[in-house]
Amino acid sequence: MPQITTFLTYANQAEEAAKLYISAFENGRILDVSRAGKGGPLPEGTAFSVTFELFGQTFYAMNGGPSFSFSQGISLFVSCETQAEIDRYWTKLTENGGKEVQCGWLVDKFGVSWQIVPKILKDLIGDKDPAKAGRAMQAMMGMKKLDITALKRAHEGA
């Protein structure tokens, strides 16, 4: 059966990015690094491609040269159970040059967009009671890193 796998192309930071991601997410691991040989487009010994795994999902990363960059039109979505998870991932992915955006979105130092979102958010902003859903949505719109407790309080009108 065919499989769809995320393939990320960096200018020249594939290995550095993979190392950041496996340090940010528990049980992440690098599966393989292919290095450039003589006569290739990259200096000999430089990582050409990196295969890594996060939560059992395989990702491919490649160094493609300076013409490659990322846009916010695509993001990696991380669904979190707890505030501690949100805080940990947020901190790791924004450190050393990452940027906080809005509503649970951030851009890491390599330009990759991430959404770090509590699982409960769907229920809060999708509540059948439009007043509750609206309050939760308004609270979310005012946040960068999402705060589960504040979202629940807003939802309940507290």
N, C-alpha and C. Protein backbone atom coordinates (compact mmCIF):
# COMPACT_ATOMS: atom_id res chain seq x y z
N MET A 1 0.84 -1.17 0.00
CA MET A 1 0.00 0.00 0.00
C MET A 1 0.90 1.24 0.00
N PRO A 2 0.56 2.26 -0.78
CA PRO A 2 1.35 3.50 -0.79
C PRO A 2 1.33 4.16 0.58
N GLN A 3 2.37 4.92 0.85
CA GLN A 3 2.48 5.63 2.11
C GLN A 3 2.86 7.07 1.82
N ILE A 4 2.27 8.00 2.53
CA ILE A 4 2.61 9.41 2.39
C ILE A 4 3.49 9.79 3.56
N THR A 5 4.65 10.37 3.27
CA THR A 5 5.61 10.76 4.30
C THR A 5 5.99 12.21 4.09
N THR A 6 6.13 12.95 5.18
CA THR A 6 6.53 14.35 5.11
C THR A 6 8.00 14.43 4.70
N PHE A 7 8.27 15.26 3.69
CA PHE A 7 9.63 15.45 3.16
C PHE A 7 9.92 16.94 3.26
N LEU A 8 10.92 17.28 4.07
CA LEU A 8 11.27 18.68 4.33
C LEU A 8 12.59 18.99 3.64
N THR A 9 12.63 20.04 2.84
CA THR A 9 13.86 20.42 2.15
C THR A 9 14.37 21.74 2.70
N TYR A 10 15.55 21.69 3.25
CA TYR A 10 16.22 22.84 3.85
C TYR A 10 17.29 23.35 2.90
N ALA A 11 17.72 24.57 3.11
CA ALA A 11 18.84 25.09 2.33
C ALA A 11 20.08 24.26 2.64
N ASN A 12 20.44 24.18 3.95
CA ASN A 12 21.62 23.41 4.33
C ASN A 12 21.59 22.96 5.79
N GLN A 13 20.40 22.94 6.42
CA GLN A 13 20.32 22.65 7.84
C GLN A 13 19.55 21.37 8.18
N ALA A 14 19.44 20.44 7.26
CA ALA A 14 18.62 19.24 7.50
C ALA A 14 19.05 18.47 8.75
N GLU A 15 20.32 18.25 8.90
CA GLU A 15 20.78 17.47 10.05
C GLU A 15 20.58 18.24 11.36
N GLU A 16 20.86 19.52 11.36
CA GLU A 16 20.67 20.35 12.55
C GLU A 16 19.19 20.39 12.93
N ALA A 17 18.31 20.51 11.93
CA ALA A 17 16.87 20.53 12.20
C ALA A 17 16.41 19.20 12.78
N ALA A 18 16.84 18.10 12.19
CA ALA A 18 16.44 16.78 12.70
C ALA A 18 16.89 16.61 14.15
N LYS A 19 18.09 17.07 14.47
CA LYS A 19 18.59 16.96 15.85
C LYS A 19 17.73 17.80 16.80
N LEU A 20 17.31 18.98 16.37
CA LEU A 20 16.43 19.79 17.22
C LEU A 20 15.11 19.05 17.44
N TYR A 21 14.51 18.54 16.38
CA TYR A 21 13.20 17.91 16.49
C TYR A 21 13.25 16.66 17.37
N ILE A 22 14.29 15.84 17.24
CA ILE A 22 14.33 14.64 18.09
C ILE A 22 14.63 15.00 19.54
N SER A 23 15.23 16.17 19.78
CA SER A 23 15.44 16.60 21.16
C SER A 23 14.17 17.21 21.75
N ALA A 24 13.30 17.75 20.90
CA ALA A 24 12.08 18.39 21.37
C ALA A 24 10.99 17.38 21.72
N PHE A 25 10.92 16.30 20.96
CA PHE A 25 9.84 15.32 21.12
C PHE A 25 10.38 14.02 21.68
N GLU A 26 9.79 13.57 22.78
CA GLU A 26 10.26 12.34 23.40
C GLU A 26 10.17 11.17 22.41
N ASN A 27 11.13 10.29 22.52
CA ASN A 27 11.24 9.10 21.68
C ASN A 27 11.55 9.39 20.22
N GLY A 28 11.93 10.64 19.91
CA GLY A 28 12.38 10.93 18.55
C GLY A 28 13.74 10.31 18.32
N ARG A 29 14.01 9.95 17.07
CA ARG A 29 15.32 9.36 16.78
C ARG A 29 15.69 9.56 15.31
N ILE A 30 16.97 9.66 15.08
CA ILE A 30 17.48 9.72 13.70
C ILE A 30 17.65 8.29 13.23
N LEU A 31 17.09 7.98 12.08
CA LEU A 31 17.15 6.64 11.53
C LEU A 31 18.32 6.47 10.57
N ASP A 32 18.64 7.53 9.82
CA ASP A 32 19.69 7.41 8.82
C ASP A 32 20.17 8.81 8.41
N VAL A 33 21.45 8.91 8.13
CA VAL A 33 22.02 10.13 7.55
C VAL A 33 22.83 9.71 6.34
N SER A 34 22.48 10.24 5.18
CA SER A 34 23.26 10.00 3.96
C SER A 34 24.16 11.20 3.76
N ARG A 35 25.44 10.96 3.59
CA ARG A 35 26.41 12.04 3.46
C ARG A 35 26.89 12.15 2.03
N ALA A 36 27.18 13.39 1.65
CA ALA A 36 27.66 13.68 0.29
C ALA A 36 29.05 13.10 0.10
N GLY A 37 29.26 12.54 -1.07
CA GLY A 37 30.58 12.03 -1.43
C GLY A 37 31.31 13.03 -2.30
N LYS A 38 32.43 12.61 -2.82
CA LYS A 38 33.22 13.48 -3.72
C LYS A 38 32.44 13.75 -5.00
N GLY A 39 32.58 14.97 -5.48
CA GLY A 39 31.99 15.32 -6.77
C GLY A 39 30.50 15.61 -6.74
N GLY A 40 29.90 15.62 -5.55
CA GLY A 40 28.46 15.89 -5.45
C GLY A 40 28.19 17.38 -5.31
N PRO A 41 26.92 17.72 -5.17
CA PRO A 41 26.56 19.13 -5.08
C PRO A 41 26.89 19.76 -3.72
N LEU A 42 27.21 18.94 -2.73
CA LEU A 42 27.53 19.44 -1.38
C LEU A 42 28.96 19.05 -1.03
N PRO A 43 29.56 19.77 -0.09
CA PRO A 43 30.91 19.39 0.34
C PRO A 43 30.93 17.95 0.88
N GLU A 44 31.96 17.24 0.58
CA GLU A 44 32.10 15.85 1.01
C GLU A 44 31.91 15.75 2.52
N GLY A 45 31.11 14.78 2.93
CA GLY A 45 30.84 14.54 4.35
C GLY A 45 29.64 15.28 4.90
N THR A 46 29.15 16.27 4.16
CA THR A 46 27.96 17.01 4.58
C THR A 46 26.73 16.11 4.47
N ALA A 47 25.82 16.25 5.43
CA ALA A 47 24.57 15.50 5.34
C ALA A 47 23.82 15.92 4.09
N PHE A 48 23.48 14.96 3.27
CA PHE A 48 22.66 15.22 2.09
C PHE A 48 21.19 15.01 2.46
N SER A 49 20.92 13.90 3.13
CA SER A 49 19.55 13.64 3.58
C SER A 49 19.58 12.99 4.95
N VAL A 50 18.50 13.23 5.70
CA VAL A 50 18.37 12.69 7.05
C VAL A 50 16.97 12.10 7.16
N THR A 51 16.90 10.88 7.65
CA THR A 51 15.62 10.25 7.93
C THR A 51 15.49 10.20 9.44
N PHE A 52 14.37 10.72 9.95
CA PHE A 52 14.16 10.72 11.40
C PHE A 52 12.72 10.36 11.70
N GLU A 53 12.48 10.07 12.98
CA GLU A 53 11.17 9.60 13.41
C GLU A 53 10.73 10.38 14.63
N LEU A 54 9.47 10.81 14.61
CA LEU A 54 8.84 11.48 15.75
C LEU A 54 7.52 10.77 16.03
N PHE A 55 7.35 10.27 17.23
CA PHE A 55 6.13 9.55 17.62
C PHE A 55 5.76 8.45 16.62
N GLY A 56 6.77 7.74 16.12
CA GLY A 56 6.53 6.64 15.20
C GLY A 56 6.31 7.05 13.76
N GLN A 57 6.28 8.33 13.47
CA GLN A 57 6.09 8.81 12.09
C GLN A 57 7.44 9.18 11.49
N THR A 58 7.67 8.69 10.29
CA THR A 58 8.94 8.95 9.61
C THR A 58 8.88 10.27 8.84
N PHE A 59 9.98 11.00 8.90
CA PHE A 59 10.16 12.25 8.16
C PHE A 59 11.46 12.15 7.38
N TYR A 60 11.48 12.76 6.22
CA TYR A 60 12.71 12.87 5.44
C TYR A 60 13.09 14.34 5.37
N ALA A 61 14.37 14.61 5.53
CA ALA A 61 14.88 15.97 5.43
C ALA A 61 16.06 15.94 4.47
N MET A 62 16.17 16.96 3.64
CA MET A 62 17.23 17.01 2.65
C MET A 62 17.79 18.42 2.59
N ASN A 63 19.07 18.52 2.31
CA ASN A 63 19.69 19.81 2.03
C ASN A 63 19.62 20.03 0.52
N GLY A 64 18.84 21.00 0.11
CA GLY A 64 18.61 21.24 -1.31
C GLY A 64 19.29 22.46 -1.86
N GLY A 65 19.87 23.28 -1.01
CA GLY A 65 20.53 24.49 -1.48
C GLY A 65 19.72 25.73 -1.17
N PRO A 66 20.29 26.88 -1.48
CA PRO A 66 19.71 28.17 -1.06
C PRO A 66 18.37 28.52 -1.71
N SER A 67 17.97 27.82 -2.74
CA SER A 67 16.69 28.15 -3.36
C SER A 67 15.51 27.58 -2.57
N PHE A 68 15.78 26.75 -1.56
CA PHE A 68 14.70 26.14 -0.79
C PHE A 68 14.45 26.91 0.50
N SER A 69 13.17 27.17 0.78
CA SER A 69 12.75 27.79 2.02
C SER A 69 11.33 27.32 2.31
N PHE A 70 10.85 27.62 3.48
CA PHE A 70 9.52 27.19 3.91
C PHE A 70 8.58 28.39 3.93
N SER A 71 7.29 28.10 3.86
CA SER A 71 6.28 29.14 3.99
C SER A 71 5.25 28.68 5.01
N GLN A 72 4.49 29.63 5.54
CA GLN A 72 3.49 29.29 6.54
C GLN A 72 2.27 28.61 5.95
N GLY A 73 2.24 28.43 4.64
CA GLY A 73 1.11 27.76 4.01
C GLY A 73 0.99 26.30 4.37
N ILE A 74 2.04 25.73 4.95
CA ILE A 74 2.00 24.35 5.44
C ILE A 74 2.65 24.34 6.81
N SER A 75 2.10 23.54 7.71
CA SER A 75 2.65 23.48 9.06
C SER A 75 2.58 22.05 9.58
N LEU A 76 3.36 21.80 10.61
CA LEU A 76 3.31 20.53 11.31
C LEU A 76 2.45 20.73 12.55
N PHE A 77 1.41 19.92 12.68
CA PHE A 77 0.40 20.07 13.72
C PHE A 77 0.68 19.06 14.83
N VAL A 78 0.83 19.55 16.05
CA VAL A 78 1.10 18.69 17.20
C VAL A 78 -0.08 18.82 18.17
N SER A 79 -0.79 17.73 18.36
CA SER A 79 -1.94 17.70 19.24
C SER A 79 -1.48 17.24 20.63
N CYS A 80 -1.68 18.10 21.63
CA CYS A 80 -1.13 17.87 22.97
C CYS A 80 -2.23 17.59 23.99
N GLU A 81 -1.93 16.69 24.91
CA GLU A 81 -2.85 16.36 26.00
C GLU A 81 -2.76 17.36 27.14
N THR A 82 -1.55 17.84 27.44
CA THR A 82 -1.35 18.63 28.65
C THR A 82 -0.65 19.96 28.35
N GLN A 83 -0.76 20.87 29.33
CA GLN A 83 -0.06 22.15 29.22
C GLN A 83 1.44 21.93 29.28
N ALA A 84 1.88 20.95 30.05
CA ALA A 84 3.32 20.66 30.14
C ALA A 84 3.88 20.28 28.77
N GLU A 85 3.12 19.51 27.98
CA GLU A 85 3.56 19.17 26.62
C GLU A 85 3.64 20.43 25.77
N ILE A 86 2.60 21.24 25.81
CA ILE A 86 2.59 22.48 25.03
C ILE A 86 3.81 23.33 25.40
N ASP A 87 4.03 23.52 26.69
CA ASP A 87 5.13 24.35 27.15
C ASP A 87 6.48 23.81 26.68
N ARG A 88 6.67 22.51 26.79
CA ARG A 88 7.95 21.90 26.42
C ARG A 88 8.21 22.06 24.92
N TYR A 89 7.25 21.69 24.10
CA TYR A 89 7.45 21.77 22.65
C TYR A 89 7.62 23.22 22.20
N TRP A 90 6.82 24.10 22.78
CA TRP A 90 6.88 25.52 22.43
C TRP A 90 8.27 26.08 22.73
N THR A 91 8.75 25.79 23.93
CA THR A 91 10.06 26.29 24.34
C THR A 91 11.16 25.76 23.44
N LYS A 92 11.18 24.45 23.19
CA LYS A 92 12.24 23.86 22.36
C LYS A 92 12.22 24.41 20.93
N LEU A 93 11.03 24.56 20.37
CA LEU A 93 10.93 24.96 18.96
C LEU A 93 11.11 26.46 18.73
N THR A 94 10.95 27.26 19.80
CA THR A 94 11.15 28.71 19.62
C THR A 94 12.52 29.18 20.09
N GLU A 95 13.26 28.32 20.79
CA GLU A 95 14.55 28.76 21.31
C GLU A 95 15.55 28.99 20.17
N ASN A 96 16.50 29.86 20.44
CA ASN A 96 17.61 30.12 19.51
C ASN A 96 17.16 30.59 18.12
N GLY A 97 16.15 31.46 18.09
CA GLY A 97 15.79 32.04 16.80
C GLY A 97 14.42 31.69 16.28
N GLY A 98 13.67 30.84 16.97
CA GLY A 98 12.30 30.57 16.57
C GLY A 98 11.43 31.78 16.90
N LYS A 99 10.23 31.84 16.31
CA LYS A 99 9.35 32.99 16.53
C LYS A 99 7.95 32.53 16.90
N GLU A 100 7.41 33.16 17.94
CA GLU A 100 6.02 32.94 18.30
C GLU A 100 5.15 33.68 17.30
N VAL A 101 4.07 33.07 16.89
CA VAL A 101 3.17 33.74 15.94
C VAL A 101 1.88 34.03 16.70
N GLN A 102 0.81 33.31 16.45
CA GLN A 102 -0.47 33.55 17.10
C GLN A 102 -1.28 32.27 17.08
N CYS A 103 -2.18 32.13 18.06
CA CYS A 103 -3.15 31.04 18.10
C CYS A 103 -2.50 29.65 18.11
N GLY A 104 -1.37 29.52 18.81
CA GLY A 104 -0.72 28.23 18.88
C GLY A 104 0.27 27.96 17.75
N TRP A 105 0.50 28.94 16.90
CA TRP A 105 1.44 28.78 15.79
C TRP A 105 2.79 29.36 16.17
N LEU A 106 3.84 28.72 15.67
CA LEU A 106 5.20 29.23 15.81
C LEU A 106 5.98 28.86 14.56
N VAL A 107 7.10 29.53 14.38
CA VAL A 107 8.02 29.21 13.29
C VAL A 107 9.36 28.92 13.92
N ASP A 108 9.91 27.72 13.66
CA ASP A 108 11.20 27.39 14.26
C ASP A 108 12.32 28.15 13.55
N LYS A 109 13.53 28.04 14.05
CA LYS A 109 14.64 28.82 13.51
C LYS A 109 15.01 28.44 12.09
N PHE A 110 14.44 27.35 11.58
CA PHE A 110 14.70 26.94 10.20
C PHE A 110 13.60 27.41 9.25
N GLY A 111 12.56 28.04 9.80
CA GLY A 111 11.46 28.55 8.99
C GLY A 111 10.27 27.61 8.86
N VAL A 112 10.31 26.47 9.56
CA VAL A 112 9.20 25.52 9.52
C VAL A 112 8.11 25.98 10.48
N SER A 113 6.87 26.04 9.99
CA SER A 113 5.72 26.43 10.82
C SER A 113 5.17 25.21 11.57
N TRP A 114 4.85 25.44 12.83
CA TRP A 114 4.29 24.40 13.70
C TRP A 114 3.03 24.94 14.36
N GLN A 115 2.08 24.06 14.61
CA GLN A 115 0.92 24.37 15.44
C GLN A 115 1.01 23.46 16.67
N ILE A 116 1.12 24.06 17.83
CA ILE A 116 1.20 23.32 19.09
C ILE A 116 -0.12 23.57 19.81
N VAL A 117 -1.02 22.59 19.76
CA VAL A 117 -2.42 22.80 20.10
C VAL A 117 -2.92 21.74 21.07
N PRO A 118 -3.68 22.16 22.10
CA PRO A 118 -4.27 21.17 23.00
C PRO A 118 -5.41 20.43 22.29
N LYS A 119 -5.49 19.12 22.55
CA LYS A 119 -6.57 18.33 21.94
C LYS A 119 -7.95 18.88 22.26
N ILE A 120 -8.10 19.44 23.44
CA ILE A 120 -9.40 19.94 23.88
C ILE A 120 -9.87 21.17 23.10
N LEU A 121 -8.98 21.83 22.39
CA LEU A 121 -9.35 23.06 21.68
C LEU A 121 -10.51 22.84 20.71
N LYS A 122 -10.50 21.74 20.00
CA LYS A 122 -11.58 21.45 19.04
C LYS A 122 -12.94 21.45 19.73
N ASP A 123 -12.99 20.85 20.91
CA ASP A 123 -14.26 20.80 21.66
C ASP A 123 -14.67 22.17 22.17
N LEU A 124 -13.69 22.95 22.61
CA LEU A 124 -14.00 24.28 23.16
C LEU A 124 -14.51 25.23 22.09
N ILE A 125 -13.80 25.33 20.97
CA ILE A 125 -14.23 26.28 19.93
C ILE A 125 -15.33 25.70 19.04
N GLY A 126 -15.58 24.40 19.18
CA GLY A 126 -16.64 23.77 18.40
C GLY A 126 -17.88 23.47 19.22
N ASP A 127 -17.96 24.02 20.42
CA ASP A 127 -19.10 23.79 21.31
C ASP A 127 -20.40 24.18 20.60
N LYS A 128 -21.45 23.40 20.83
CA LYS A 128 -22.76 23.69 20.22
C LYS A 128 -23.37 24.99 20.76
N ASP A 129 -22.92 25.40 21.93
CA ASP A 129 -23.36 26.66 22.50
C ASP A 129 -22.49 27.77 21.88
N PRO A 130 -23.07 28.60 21.02
CA PRO A 130 -22.27 29.60 20.32
C PRO A 130 -21.59 30.61 21.24
N ALA A 131 -22.18 30.90 22.39
CA ALA A 131 -21.56 31.85 23.32
C ALA A 131 -20.28 31.25 23.90
N LYS A 132 -20.34 29.98 24.31
CA LYS A 132 -19.15 29.30 24.86
C LYS A 132 -18.06 29.19 23.79
N ALA A 133 -18.46 28.75 22.60
CA ALA A 133 -17.50 28.59 21.51
C ALA A 133 -16.87 29.94 21.16
N GLY A 134 -17.68 30.98 21.13
CA GLY A 134 -17.18 32.32 20.80
C GLY A 134 -16.19 32.85 21.82
N ARG A 135 -16.49 32.61 23.09
CA ARG A 135 -15.56 33.05 24.14
C ARG A 135 -14.23 32.31 24.04
N ALA A 136 -14.29 31.02 23.77
CA ALA A 136 -13.05 30.24 23.63
C ALA A 136 -12.26 30.72 22.42
N MET A 137 -12.96 30.99 21.32
CA MET A 137 -12.29 31.48 20.11
C MET A 137 -11.64 32.83 20.36
N GLN A 138 -12.35 33.73 21.02
CA GLN A 138 -11.78 35.05 21.32
C GLN A 138 -10.54 34.92 22.20
N ALA A 139 -10.59 34.04 23.18
CA ALA A 139 -9.43 33.82 24.05
C ALA A 139 -8.25 33.31 23.22
N MET A 140 -8.52 32.33 22.37
CA MET A 140 -7.45 31.77 21.52
C MET A 140 -6.83 32.84 20.63
N MET A 141 -7.66 33.70 20.07
CA MET A 141 -7.17 34.73 19.15
C MET A 141 -6.22 35.72 19.84
N GLY A 142 -6.34 35.85 21.14
CA GLY A 142 -5.48 36.76 21.88
C GLY A 142 -4.20 36.11 22.40
N MET A 143 -4.00 34.84 22.09
CA MET A 143 -2.83 34.13 22.61
C MET A 143 -1.81 33.85 21.52
N LYS A 144 -0.59 33.69 21.93
CA LYS A 144 0.44 33.11 21.06
C LYS A 144 0.52 31.65 21.44
N LYS A 145 1.23 31.32 22.54
CA LYS A 145 1.22 29.95 23.05
C LYS A 145 -0.13 29.74 23.72
N LEU A 146 -0.78 28.64 23.41
CA LEU A 146 -2.11 28.39 23.96
C LEU A 146 -2.02 27.92 25.41
N ASP A 147 -2.96 28.43 26.22
CA ASP A 147 -3.04 28.15 27.64
C ASP A 147 -4.36 27.42 27.89
N ILE A 148 -4.28 26.13 28.20
CA ILE A 148 -5.48 25.31 28.36
C ILE A 148 -6.40 25.86 29.45
N THR A 149 -5.85 26.23 30.59
CA THR A 149 -6.67 26.74 31.70
C THR A 149 -7.41 28.01 31.29
N ALA A 150 -6.72 28.93 30.66
CA ALA A 150 -7.35 30.18 30.23
C ALA A 150 -8.42 29.92 29.17
N LEU A 151 -8.18 28.98 28.28
CA LEU A 151 -9.17 28.64 27.26
C LEU A 151 -10.43 28.05 27.91
N LYS A 152 -10.25 27.17 28.88
CA LYS A 152 -11.40 26.58 29.58
C LYS A 152 -12.16 27.64 30.36
N ARG A 153 -11.44 28.54 31.03
CA ARG A 153 -12.11 29.62 31.78
C ARG A 153 -12.93 30.50 30.85
N ALA A 154 -12.37 30.86 29.72
CA ALA A 154 -13.09 31.69 28.75
C ALA A 154 -14.33 30.94 28.25
N HIS A 155 -14.18 29.68 27.94
CA HIS A 155 -15.28 28.85 27.46
C HIS A 155 -16.44 28.88 28.46
N GLU A 156 -16.11 28.80 29.74
CA GLU A 156 -17.14 28.75 30.79
C GLU A 156 -17.62 30.14 31.21
N GLY A 157 -16.98 31.18 30.67
CA GLY A 157 -17.39 32.53 31.00
C GLY A 157 -16.88 33.01 32.34
N ALA A 158 -15.83 32.39 32.81
CA ALA A 158 -15.27 32.76 34.13
C ALA A 158 -14.25 33.87 34.00
